[in-house]
Amino acid sequence: MMKWNEIPHAWQRTFEVAWESFLEGSRPIGVVVVNDVGEIISTGKSCDRSHER
């Protein structure tokens, strides 16, 4: 089994963003976009806005 520090940074950030989404009451979906050299250029997450209806 891989240890957290063995997971590539972009994947770590993906899990972190998904966890943030979960803590906010949404589905735990996180997205990280990287450029051709592996630098994170954008992040996104699911957002449940059903309470705003």
C-alpha atoms as a PDB file:
ATOM      1  CA  MET A   1       0.000   0.000   0.000  1.00  0.00           C
ATOM      2  CA  MET A   2       1.274   3.476  -0.852  1.00  0.00           C
ATOM      3  CA  LYS A   3       2.001   5.992   1.858  1.00  0.00           C
ATOM      4  CA  TRP A   4       0.624   9.533   1.560  1.00  0.00           C
ATOM      5  CA  ASN A   5       4.062  11.035   0.840  1.00  0.00           C
ATOM      6  CA  GLU A   6       4.544   8.569  -2.045  1.00  0.00           C
ATOM      7  CA  ILE A   7       1.451   9.802  -3.890  1.00  0.00           C
ATOM      8  CA  PRO A   8       2.243  12.479  -6.513  1.00  0.00           C
ATOM      9  CA  HIS A   9       1.450  16.021  -5.366  1.00  0.00           C
ATOM     10  CA  ALA A  10      -1.306  16.554  -7.956  1.00  0.00           C
ATOM     11  CA  TRP A  11      -3.124  13.461  -6.679  1.00  0.00           C
ATOM     12  CA  GLN A  12      -2.690  14.572  -3.072  1.00  0.00           C
ATOM     13  CA  ARG A  13      -4.259  17.909  -3.968  1.00  0.00           C
ATOM     14  CA  THR A  14      -7.130  16.126  -5.744  1.00  0.00           C
ATOM     15  CA  PHE A  15      -7.939  14.190  -2.575  1.00  0.00           C
ATOM     16  CA  GLU A  16      -7.658  17.362  -0.466  1.00  0.00           C
ATOM     17  CA  VAL A  17     -10.081  19.240  -2.722  1.00  0.00           C
ATOM     18  CA  ALA A  18     -12.513  16.305  -2.639  1.00  0.00           C
ATOM     19  CA  TRP A  19     -12.321  16.245   1.165  1.00  0.00           C
ATOM     20  CA  GLU A  20     -13.072  19.997   1.276  1.00  0.00           C
ATOM     21  CA  SER A  21     -16.147  19.350  -0.869  1.00  0.00           C
ATOM     22  CA  PHE A  22     -17.284  16.558   1.448  1.00  0.00           C
ATOM     23  CA  LEU A  23     -16.856  18.758   4.524  1.00  0.00           C
ATOM     24  CA  GLU A  24     -19.021  21.407   2.835  1.00  0.00           C
ATOM     25  CA  GLY A  25     -21.846  18.876   2.439  1.00  0.00           C
ATOM     26  CA  SER A  26     -21.337  18.021  -1.231  1.00  0.00           C
ATOM     27  CA  ARG A  27     -20.243  14.856  -2.954  1.00  0.00           C
ATOM     28  CA  PRO A  28     -16.505  14.267  -2.473  1.00  0.00           C
ATOM     29  CA  ILE A  29     -15.419  15.116  -6.009  1.00  0.00           C
ATOM     30  CA  GLY A  30     -12.157  16.985  -6.553  1.00  0.00           C
ATOM     31  CA  VAL A  31     -10.499  17.977  -9.804  1.00  0.00           C
ATOM     32  CA  VAL A  32      -6.949  19.121 -10.485  1.00  0.00           C
ATOM     33  CA  VAL A  33      -5.720  20.279 -13.878  1.00  0.00           C
ATOM     34  CA  VAL A  34      -1.980  20.133 -14.530  1.00  0.00           C
ATOM     35  CA  ASN A  35       0.121  21.501 -17.376  1.00  0.00           C
ATOM     36  CA  ASP A  36       2.575  19.476 -19.440  1.00  0.00           C
ATOM     37  CA  VAL A  37       5.266  19.655 -16.728  1.00  0.00           C
ATOM     38  CA  GLY A  38       2.924  18.596 -13.915  1.00  0.00           C
ATOM     39  CA  GLU A  39       2.273  21.989 -12.326  1.00  0.00           C
ATOM     40  CA  ILE A  40      -1.215  22.493 -10.932  1.00  0.00           C
ATOM     41  CA  ILE A  41      -2.918  25.235 -12.934  1.00  0.00           C
ATOM     42  CA  SER A  42      -6.505  24.858 -11.713  1.00  0.00           C
ATOM     43  CA  THR A  43      -8.641  23.037  -9.158  1.00  0.00           C
ATOM     44  CA  GLY A  44     -12.360  22.440  -8.809  1.00  0.00           C
ATOM     45  CA  LYS A  45     -14.857  20.536  -6.715  1.00  0.00           C
ATOM     46  CA  SER A  46     -18.500  19.591  -6.575  1.00  0.00           C
ATOM     47  CA  CYS A  47     -20.862  22.013  -4.920  1.00  0.00           C
ATOM     48  CA  ASP A  48     -24.322  21.142  -3.647  1.00  0.00           C
ATOM     49  CA  ARG A  49     -26.529  24.186  -4.034  1.00  0.00           C
ATOM     50  CA  SER A  50     -29.827  22.380  -3.501  1.00  0.00           C
ATOM     51  CA  HIS A  51     -30.371  24.324  -0.276  1.00  0.00           C
ATOM     52  CA  GLU A  52     -30.485  27.568  -2.317  1.00  0.00           C
ATOM     53  CA  ARG A  53     -33.630  26.614  -4.246  1.00  0.00           C
END
